[in-house]
Amino acid sequence: MLWAALGLNRPAVVACVGAGGKTSLIQSLAAGACRRGWPVLVTATTKMFYSQVAGYELVLTEAAATGVAQVAAALQQGQPVGWFARLEGEKVIGVPAGGIDSIAAKAPWANILIEADGARQALLKAPSAREPVIPACTSVTVGIVNLGAVGQPLTAANTHRPELVSGIIGKQAGAAVAWSDIVRLAVHRQGLFQYARGTRVLLLSGAQDPDLRPAGRLIAGDKTLAGAGLARVVLTTGYGCNMQPCEVYLL
């Protein structure tokens, strides 16, 4: 089960950062919670596509007090809830971190899943100085990289903010991404876990490709991860609501 693989204790407040699987992780965790009757809220401090959250009981309001009250009431009904400020074109706009802290205090029995930064559907990224926006109530930060980036050239086609990634891993644009570069991105102070709160978990998505699993194992075996405060590495397969753990490494 994905909840157990990530080491999540309920109720959990999970901030998802990085690239190449954040929304799939949130959707899969929400689906697992719903099957077990656990109260779950899906929200964001960034933008998400409306189509990704349309299946939840949506609360759309920019007023924090109103949102907290409506979300708490909706969670009592036992359905997965989504809270966003408003609908803007094809996307929903996230809510301030303080609002998420307020609902965590109002409904401490609820599980909260947060998309805390954007990646424009890339496979890996480095955050800008303004992101991710992680609420103070966060108990676990999950940093995500898609293993499909390994072996590919470092370009804007597969990397969000490639110039920042280049500076962290010490490679020029167009150079092939190695498994060791993923480690550098995970442990750097301005890397994947910038501003992380709570327990840190590295999730490597895309492990359904058997050719990529060896790279995932090399990443998980690098001792610098534990030295940087990471608790575990989880390799996953699948997308959307079907993401599943396939290997778990405790650090």
Protein backbone atom coordinates (compact mmCIF):
# COMPACT_ATOMS: atom_id res chain seq x y z
CA MET A 1 0.00 0.00 0.00
CA LEU A 2 1.31 3.44 -0.95
CA TRP A 3 0.46 5.00 2.41
CA ALA A 4 2.54 2.41 4.25
CA ALA A 5 5.39 2.53 1.72
CA LEU A 6 5.77 6.27 2.35
CA GLY A 7 5.73 5.70 6.10
CA LEU A 8 2.65 7.88 6.58
CA ASN A 9 1.03 7.92 10.00
CA ARG A 10 -2.60 9.02 10.04
CA PRO A 11 -3.68 11.72 10.09
CA ALA A 12 -0.98 12.92 7.70
CA VAL A 13 -0.36 16.30 6.09
CA VAL A 14 1.67 15.54 2.97
CA ALA A 15 3.32 18.18 0.79
CA CYS A 16 4.30 16.88 -2.65
CA VAL A 17 7.13 18.67 -4.49
CA GLY A 18 9.31 18.03 -7.52
CA ALA A 19 8.30 16.70 -10.93
CA GLY A 20 7.10 13.67 -12.82
CA GLY A 21 4.41 12.25 -10.56
CA LYS A 22 3.08 14.70 -7.94
CA THR A 23 -0.51 14.61 -9.13
CA SER A 24 -0.44 10.84 -9.59
CA LEU A 25 0.81 10.46 -6.03
CA ILE A 26 -1.93 12.70 -4.67
CA GLN A 27 -4.63 10.96 -6.69
CA SER A 28 -3.43 7.52 -5.63
CA LEU A 29 -3.17 8.45 -1.95
CA ALA A 30 -6.63 10.01 -2.09
CA ALA A 31 -8.08 6.92 -3.75
CA GLY A 32 -6.51 4.69 -1.12
CA ALA A 33 -7.88 6.83 1.68
CA CYS A 34 -11.34 6.84 0.15
CA ARG A 35 -11.40 3.05 -0.14
CA ARG A 36 -10.67 2.80 3.57
CA GLY A 37 -13.08 5.50 4.64
CA TRP A 38 -10.36 7.90 5.77
CA PRO A 39 -11.22 11.60 5.53
CA VAL A 40 -9.00 13.26 2.93
CA LEU A 41 -8.57 16.76 1.56
CA VAL A 42 -6.75 17.48 -1.70
CA THR A 43 -5.47 21.03 -2.10
CA ALA A 44 -2.55 23.05 -3.44
CA THR A 45 -0.44 26.13 -2.87
CA THR A 46 0.06 26.29 -6.66
CA LYS A 47 -2.13 25.62 -9.70
CA MET A 48 -3.59 22.29 -10.79
CA PHE A 49 -5.65 21.29 -13.80
CA TYR A 50 -9.37 21.22 -13.05
CA SER A 51 -9.62 17.82 -14.75
CA GLN A 52 -7.23 16.41 -12.13
CA VAL A 53 -9.51 17.34 -9.22
CA ALA A 54 -12.99 17.35 -10.78
CA GLY A 55 -13.86 14.04 -9.11
CA TYR A 56 -13.62 15.47 -5.59
CA GLU A 57 -16.25 17.40 -3.66
CA LEU A 58 -14.94 20.85 -4.55
CA VAL A 59 -14.89 23.90 -2.32
CA LEU A 60 -13.97 26.99 -4.33
CA THR A 61 -13.47 30.10 -2.26
CA GLU A 62 -10.69 32.61 -1.62
CA ALA A 63 -12.06 33.49 1.83
CA ALA A 64 -10.03 31.46 4.31
CA ALA A 65 -12.63 31.40 7.08
CA THR A 66 -15.39 30.38 4.66
CA GLY A 67 -13.20 27.74 3.09
CA VAL A 68 -12.20 26.22 6.41
CA ALA A 69 -15.83 25.98 7.52
CA GLN A 70 -17.03 24.48 4.23
CA VAL A 71 -14.15 22.02 4.01
CA ALA A 72 -14.63 20.83 7.59
CA ALA A 73 -18.33 20.26 6.94
CA ALA A 74 -17.65 18.42 3.66
CA LEU A 75 -15.04 16.18 5.28
CA GLN A 76 -17.64 15.09 7.83
CA GLN A 77 -19.64 13.58 4.95
CA GLY A 78 -16.91 11.03 4.21
CA GLN A 79 -16.17 12.04 0.61
CA PRO A 80 -12.76 13.18 -0.67
CA VAL A 81 -12.75 16.97 -0.73
CA GLY A 82 -10.81 19.42 -2.89
CA TRP A 83 -10.24 23.00 -1.72
CA PHE A 84 -9.05 25.70 -4.12
CA ALA A 85 -9.41 29.46 -4.31
CA ARG A 86 -11.11 29.61 -7.71
CA LEU A 87 -11.40 28.19 -11.20
CA GLU A 88 -9.33 30.02 -13.80
CA GLY A 89 -9.62 28.63 -17.31
CA GLU A 90 -8.55 24.98 -17.27
CA LYS A 91 -6.90 25.28 -13.87
CA VAL A 92 -7.83 25.67 -10.24
CA ILE A 93 -5.83 28.13 -8.17
CA GLY A 94 -4.41 26.98 -4.85
CA VAL A 95 -5.01 28.47 -1.43
CA PRO A 96 -2.54 30.23 0.90
CA ALA A 97 -0.46 28.04 3.18
CA GLY A 98 -2.07 29.71 6.20
CA GLY A 99 -5.48 28.49 5.11
CA ILE A 100 -4.23 24.91 5.02
CA ASP A 101 -2.76 25.36 8.50
CA SER A 102 -6.19 26.56 9.65
CA ILE A 103 -8.06 23.55 8.29
CA ALA A 104 -5.45 21.23 9.84
CA ALA A 105 -6.19 22.85 13.21
CA LYS A 106 -9.97 22.80 12.63
CA ALA A 107 -10.05 19.17 11.46
CA PRO A 108 -6.97 17.49 13.00
CA TRP A 109 -8.43 14.07 12.19
CA ALA A 110 -8.28 14.71 8.42
CA ASN A 111 -5.56 13.69 6.00
CA ILE A 112 -4.39 16.58 3.81
CA LEU A 113 -2.61 16.11 0.47
CA ILE A 114 -0.94 19.23 -0.96
CA GLU A 115 0.59 19.94 -4.36
CA ALA A 116 3.17 22.49 -3.25
CA ASP A 117 4.88 23.49 -6.50
CA GLY A 118 4.50 23.27 -10.26
CA ALA A 119 6.64 21.52 -12.86
CA ARG A 120 4.83 22.00 -16.20
CA GLN A 121 4.68 18.21 -16.67
CA ALA A 122 8.47 17.85 -16.70
CA LEU A 123 10.40 14.83 -15.41
CA LEU A 124 12.60 16.74 -12.96
CA LYS A 125 13.03 20.28 -11.68
CA ALA A 126 14.78 22.59 -9.27
CA PRO A 127 12.70 25.12 -7.35
CA SER A 128 12.94 28.87 -7.64
CA ALA A 129 13.64 30.94 -4.52
CA ARG A 130 9.86 31.45 -4.08
CA GLU A 131 8.88 27.77 -4.02
CA PRO A 132 7.74 25.35 -2.89
CA VAL A 133 5.15 26.86 -0.56
CA ILE A 134 4.82 24.32 2.24
CA PRO A 135 2.35 24.86 5.12
CA ALA A 136 3.70 24.80 8.66
CA CYS A 137 1.40 21.88 9.53
CA THR A 138 3.13 19.55 7.04
CA SER A 139 4.20 16.25 8.58
CA VAL A 140 5.84 14.69 5.49
CA THR A 141 7.43 16.25 2.41
CA VAL A 142 7.63 13.88 -0.55
CA GLY A 143 10.12 14.94 -3.23
CA ILE A 144 9.44 13.37 -6.62
CA VAL A 145 11.66 12.72 -9.63
CA ASN A 146 10.71 10.60 -12.63
CA LEU A 147 13.36 7.99 -13.41
CA GLY A 148 12.65 8.57 -17.08
CA ALA A 149 14.96 11.59 -16.84
CA VAL A 150 17.99 9.33 -16.33
CA GLY A 151 19.95 9.05 -19.56
CA GLN A 152 18.13 11.92 -21.24
CA PRO A 153 19.82 15.19 -22.18
CA LEU A 154 19.24 18.08 -19.81
CA THR A 155 16.86 20.29 -21.80
CA ALA A 156 13.73 22.36 -21.32
CA ALA A 157 11.79 19.53 -22.97
CA ASN A 158 12.11 17.33 -19.89
CA THR A 159 13.30 19.69 -17.13
CA HIS A 160 11.53 22.57 -15.42
CA ARG A 161 14.00 25.42 -14.81
CA PRO A 162 16.91 23.57 -16.45
CA GLU A 163 19.30 26.44 -15.71
CA LEU A 164 18.79 25.88 -11.96
CA VAL A 165 19.19 22.13 -12.30
CA SER A 166 22.36 22.69 -14.33
CA GLY A 167 23.85 24.82 -11.57
CA ILE A 168 23.07 22.22 -8.91
CA ILE A 169 24.36 19.14 -10.71
CA GLY A 170 27.27 20.91 -12.43
CA LYS A 171 26.38 19.97 -16.00
CA GLN A 172 25.75 22.04 -19.08
CA ALA A 173 22.53 21.99 -21.08
CA GLY A 174 22.38 18.95 -23.33
CA ALA A 175 24.50 16.73 -21.09
CA ALA A 176 23.01 13.36 -20.15
CA VAL A 177 21.36 13.14 -16.73
CA ALA A 178 22.93 10.41 -14.57
CA TRP A 179 21.55 8.70 -11.49
CA SER A 180 24.14 10.55 -9.40
CA ASP A 181 22.66 13.85 -10.62
CA ILE A 182 19.34 12.89 -9.05
CA VAL A 183 21.15 12.38 -5.75
CA ARG A 184 22.76 15.82 -6.05
CA LEU A 185 19.39 17.36 -6.74
CA ALA A 186 17.90 15.64 -3.69
CA VAL A 187 20.58 16.67 -1.20
CA HIS A 188 21.39 20.21 -2.36
CA ARG A 189 20.10 23.00 -0.12
CA GLN A 190 18.43 24.68 -3.10
CA GLY A 191 17.36 21.39 -4.59
CA LEU A 192 14.36 19.13 -4.41
CA PHE A 193 13.77 19.49 -0.66
CA GLN A 194 14.20 23.25 -0.37
CA TYR A 195 11.92 24.51 2.45
CA ALA A 196 10.85 20.94 3.27
CA ARG A 197 9.01 20.32 6.54
CA GLY A 198 8.59 17.13 8.52
CA THR A 199 9.93 13.78 7.37
CA ARG A 200 11.60 13.76 3.96
CA VAL A 201 10.81 10.97 1.50
CA LEU A 202 12.28 10.66 -2.00
CA LEU A 203 9.87 9.08 -4.48
CA LEU A 204 11.23 7.82 -7.81
CA SER A 205 8.37 7.36 -10.24
CA GLY A 206 8.50 5.59 -13.58
CA ALA A 207 9.97 2.34 -12.24
CA GLN A 208 7.59 0.30 -14.43
CA ASP A 209 10.42 0.49 -16.97
CA PRO A 210 12.72 -2.38 -15.93
CA ASP A 211 15.69 -0.67 -17.57
CA LEU A 212 15.36 2.23 -15.12
CA ARG A 213 15.09 0.26 -11.90
CA PRO A 214 18.86 -0.26 -11.56
CA ALA A 215 19.30 3.53 -11.55
CA GLY A 216 16.65 3.77 -8.85
CA ARG A 217 18.50 1.23 -6.72
CA LEU A 218 21.78 3.10 -7.13
CA ILE A 219 20.08 6.32 -6.02
CA ALA A 220 18.52 4.61 -3.00
CA GLY A 221 21.88 3.12 -2.03
CA ASP A 222 23.74 6.43 -1.99
CA LYS A 223 24.69 7.17 1.62
CA THR A 224 24.57 10.94 1.17
CA LEU A 225 20.76 10.79 1.13
CA ALA A 226 20.57 9.74 4.77
CA GLY A 227 23.22 12.34 5.64
CA ALA A 228 20.95 15.01 4.14
CA GLY A 229 18.08 13.99 6.39
CA LEU A 230 16.02 11.78 4.05
CA ALA A 231 14.16 8.95 5.76
CA ARG A 232 13.40 6.61 2.86
CA VAL A 233 13.36 6.14 -0.91
CA VAL A 234 10.32 4.65 -2.65
CA LEU A 235 10.26 3.41 -6.25
CA THR A 236 6.81 3.43 -7.85
CA THR A 237 5.03 2.21 -10.94
CA GLY A 238 1.87 3.50 -12.59
CA TYR A 239 0.15 6.81 -13.15
CA GLY A 240 -3.01 8.62 -12.10
CA CYS A 241 -4.90 6.73 -9.42
CA ASN A 242 -2.83 3.61 -10.11
CA MET A 243 0.56 4.57 -8.69
CA GLN A 244 1.92 1.71 -6.59
CA PRO A 245 5.16 1.14 -4.66
CA CYS A 246 7.44 -1.55 -6.00
CA GLU A 247 10.57 -1.09 -3.83
CA VAL A 248 11.09 0.68 -0.50
CA TYR A 249 14.46 1.57 1.05
CA LEU A 250 14.79 2.80 4.64
CA LEU A 251 17.76 5.12 5.12
